[in-house]
Amino acid sequence: MKMRIKKGEIVQVLSGNDKGVSGRVLEVYPSKNKILVEGVNIRKKHMKPNPKNQQGGIVSKEMPIDYSNVLIVDSDKNASRIGIRFEEKDGKSIPVRYAKTNDKNL
């Protein structure tokens, strides 16, 4: 299944502990069907000391969530499903993503 949400877009969480929270997509993992959202699904991770983290200890880290648990936020600040339609440009039909709530292009 092709993922319709792209890196850098604003999404809203539909279920889980962070239900209703919006955040920017940091990473997309199509093979795992998961996305990493800024400020969502924060977990504590125990880290050993290493050159990057001299101190070690417990670090708060964002973890990926399932793609099906989020919807994209449209221009009216509403959660919306994504549709794809084809528009003519220079004699060629190109696919364009649009929000189904307000029918505007993304």
C-alpha atoms as a PDB file:
ATOM      1  CA  MET A   1       0.000   0.000   0.000  1.00  0.00           C
ATOM      2  CA  LYS A   2       1.331   3.411  -0.940  1.00  0.00           C
ATOM      3  CA  MET A   3       1.416   5.903   1.918  1.00  0.00           C
ATOM      4  CA  ARG A   4      -0.370   9.162   1.134  1.00  0.00           C
ATOM      5  CA  ILE A   5       1.116  11.128   4.031  1.00  0.00           C
ATOM      6  CA  LYS A   6       4.453  12.790   3.315  1.00  0.00           C
ATOM      7  CA  LYS A   7       7.307  14.015   5.480  1.00  0.00           C
ATOM      8  CA  GLY A   8       6.780  17.573   6.770  1.00  0.00           C
ATOM      9  CA  GLU A   9       2.966  17.548   6.757  1.00  0.00           C
ATOM     10  CA  ILE A  10       0.796  18.238   9.811  1.00  0.00           C
ATOM     11  CA  VAL A  11      -1.268  15.268  11.041  1.00  0.00           C
ATOM     12  CA  GLN A  12      -3.718  14.645  13.876  1.00  0.00           C
ATOM     13  CA  VAL A  13      -3.660  11.470  16.008  1.00  0.00           C
ATOM     14  CA  LEU A  14      -6.965   9.550  16.078  1.00  0.00           C
ATOM     15  CA  SER A  15      -6.335   6.931  18.763  1.00  0.00           C
ATOM     16  CA  GLY A  16      -4.040   6.015  21.620  1.00  0.00           C
ATOM     17  CA  ASN A  17      -2.644   8.014  24.530  1.00  0.00           C
ATOM     18  CA  ASP A  18      -2.029  11.077  22.325  1.00  0.00           C
ATOM     19  CA  LYS A  19      -5.523  11.176  20.778  1.00  0.00           C
ATOM     20  CA  GLY A  20      -6.364  14.629  19.381  1.00  0.00           C
ATOM     21  CA  VAL A  21      -2.747  15.867  19.327  1.00  0.00           C
ATOM     22  CA  SER A  22      -1.394  17.410  16.126  1.00  0.00           C
ATOM     23  CA  GLY A  23       2.219  17.319  15.024  1.00  0.00           C
ATOM     24  CA  ARG A  24       4.580  17.463  12.060  1.00  0.00           C
ATOM     25  CA  VAL A  25       5.646  14.216  10.351  1.00  0.00           C
ATOM     26  CA  LEU A  26       9.398  13.723  10.868  1.00  0.00           C
ATOM     27  CA  GLU A  27       9.888  10.357   9.139  1.00  0.00           C
ATOM     28  CA  VAL A  28       7.843   7.912   7.071  1.00  0.00           C
ATOM     29  CA  TYR A  29       8.538   4.164   7.168  1.00  0.00           C
ATOM     30  CA  PRO A  30       6.532   2.611   4.282  1.00  0.00           C
ATOM     31  CA  SER A  31       7.886  -0.920   4.773  1.00  0.00           C
ATOM     32  CA  LYS A  32       6.669  -0.970   8.402  1.00  0.00           C
ATOM     33  CA  ASN A  33       3.513   1.096   7.658  1.00  0.00           C
ATOM     34  CA  LYS A  34       4.497   3.549  10.426  1.00  0.00           C
ATOM     35  CA  ILE A  35       5.253   7.268  10.741  1.00  0.00           C
ATOM     36  CA  LEU A  36       7.212   9.335  13.258  1.00  0.00           C
ATOM     37  CA  VAL A  37       5.305  12.412  14.474  1.00  0.00           C
ATOM     38  CA  GLU A  38       6.892  15.303  16.390  1.00  0.00           C
ATOM     39  CA  GLY A  39       5.815  15.390  20.060  1.00  0.00           C
ATOM     40  CA  VAL A  40       3.697  12.223  19.864  1.00  0.00           C
ATOM     41  CA  ASN A  41       4.252   8.778  21.443  1.00  0.00           C
ATOM     42  CA  ILE A  42       7.119   9.885  23.724  1.00  0.00           C
ATOM     43  CA  ARG A  43       8.794   6.924  25.453  1.00  0.00           C
ATOM     44  CA  LYS A  44      11.662   6.610  27.947  1.00  0.00           C
ATOM     45  CA  LYS A  45      14.722   4.810  26.589  1.00  0.00           C
ATOM     46  CA  HIS A  46      17.688   3.663  28.682  1.00  0.00           C
ATOM     47  CA  MET A  47      20.923   4.653  26.898  1.00  0.00           C
ATOM     48  CA  LYS A  48      24.453   3.510  27.598  1.00  0.00           C
ATOM     49  CA  PRO A  49      27.165   6.181  27.488  1.00  0.00           C
ATOM     50  CA  ASN A  50      28.556   6.631  23.960  1.00  0.00           C
ATOM     51  CA  PRO A  51      30.411   9.343  22.023  1.00  0.00           C
ATOM     52  CA  LYS A  52      27.125  11.036  21.065  1.00  0.00           C
ATOM     53  CA  ASN A  53      25.639  10.834  24.577  1.00  0.00           C
ATOM     54  CA  GLN A  54      28.528  11.082  27.080  1.00  0.00           C
ATOM     55  CA  GLN A  55      26.319  10.911  30.174  1.00  0.00           C
ATOM     56  CA  GLY A  56      24.052   8.003  29.306  1.00  0.00           C
ATOM     57  CA  GLY A  57      20.910   7.523  31.406  1.00  0.00           C
ATOM     58  CA  ILE A  58      17.208   7.727  30.588  1.00  0.00           C
ATOM     59  CA  VAL A  59      16.291   9.670  27.423  1.00  0.00           C
ATOM     60  CA  SER A  60      12.793  10.669  26.241  1.00  0.00           C
ATOM     61  CA  LYS A  61      12.378   9.716  22.595  1.00  0.00           C
ATOM     62  CA  GLU A  62       9.574   9.852  20.002  1.00  0.00           C
ATOM     63  CA  MET A  63       8.603   6.432  18.709  1.00  0.00           C
ATOM     64  CA  PRO A  64       6.796   5.608  15.438  1.00  0.00           C
ATOM     65  CA  ILE A  65       3.019   5.135  15.392  1.00  0.00           C
ATOM     66  CA  ASP A  66       0.859   3.253  12.930  1.00  0.00           C
ATOM     67  CA  TYR A  67      -0.102   5.056   9.734  1.00  0.00           C
ATOM     68  CA  SER A  68      -3.791   4.168  10.191  1.00  0.00           C
ATOM     69  CA  ASN A  69      -3.983   6.118  13.478  1.00  0.00           C
ATOM     70  CA  VAL A  70      -3.493   9.562  11.919  1.00  0.00           C
ATOM     71  CA  LEU A  71      -5.298  11.870   9.484  1.00  0.00           C
ATOM     72  CA  ILE A  72      -3.829  14.836   7.669  1.00  0.00           C
ATOM     73  CA  VAL A  73      -4.871  18.340   8.784  1.00  0.00           C
ATOM     74  CA  ASP A  74      -6.323  20.408   5.927  1.00  0.00           C
ATOM     75  CA  SER A  75      -6.169  24.179   5.358  1.00  0.00           C
ATOM     76  CA  ASP A  76      -9.233  24.697   7.619  1.00  0.00           C
ATOM     77  CA  LYS A  77      -7.447  22.939  10.547  1.00  0.00           C
ATOM     78  CA  ASN A  78      -9.740  19.873  10.329  1.00  0.00           C
ATOM     79  CA  ALA A  79      -8.636  16.239  10.162  1.00  0.00           C
ATOM     80  CA  SER A  80      -9.317  14.950   6.672  1.00  0.00           C
ATOM     81  CA  ARG A  81      -8.891  11.879   4.527  1.00  0.00           C
ATOM     82  CA  ILE A  82      -6.835  12.258   1.356  1.00  0.00           C
ATOM     83  CA  GLY A  83      -8.133  11.711  -2.151  1.00  0.00           C
ATOM     84  CA  ILE A  84      -6.324  11.660  -5.477  1.00  0.00           C
ATOM     85  CA  ARG A  85      -7.708  13.171  -8.651  1.00  0.00           C
ATOM     86  CA  PHE A  86      -6.149  13.763 -12.044  1.00  0.00           C
ATOM     87  CA  GLU A  87      -5.858  17.271 -13.467  1.00  0.00           C
ATOM     88  CA  GLU A  88      -4.865  18.319 -16.975  1.00  0.00           C
ATOM     89  CA  LYS A  89      -1.658  20.329 -17.308  1.00  0.00           C
ATOM     90  CA  ASP A  90       0.108  20.899 -20.627  1.00  0.00           C
ATOM     91  CA  GLY A  91      -1.927  18.118 -22.224  1.00  0.00           C
ATOM     92  CA  LYS A  92      -0.922  15.562 -19.574  1.00  0.00           C
ATOM     93  CA  SER A  93      -3.006  14.300 -16.685  1.00  0.00           C
ATOM     94  CA  ILE A  94      -1.106  14.501 -13.408  1.00  0.00           C
ATOM     95  CA  PRO A  95      -2.235  13.111 -10.036  1.00  0.00           C
ATOM     96  CA  VAL A  96      -3.073  15.747  -7.396  1.00  0.00           C
ATOM     97  CA  ARG A  97      -3.809  15.065  -3.716  1.00  0.00           C
ATOM     98  CA  TYR A  98      -6.779  16.842  -2.141  1.00  0.00           C
ATOM     99  CA  ALA A  99      -8.508  16.971   1.262  1.00  0.00           C
ATOM    100  CA  LYS A 100     -11.914  15.312   1.179  1.00  0.00           C
ATOM    101  CA  THR A 101     -13.403  17.644   3.835  1.00  0.00           C
ATOM    102  CA  ASN A 102     -13.016  20.916   1.921  1.00  0.00           C
ATOM    103  CA  ASP A 103     -12.111  19.612  -1.582  1.00  0.00           C
ATOM    104  CA  LYS A 104      -8.938  21.798  -1.731  1.00  0.00           C
ATOM    105  CA  ASN A 105      -5.577  20.668  -3.081  1.00  0.00           C
ATOM    106  CA  LEU A 106      -2.838  19.852  -0.585  1.00  0.00           C
END
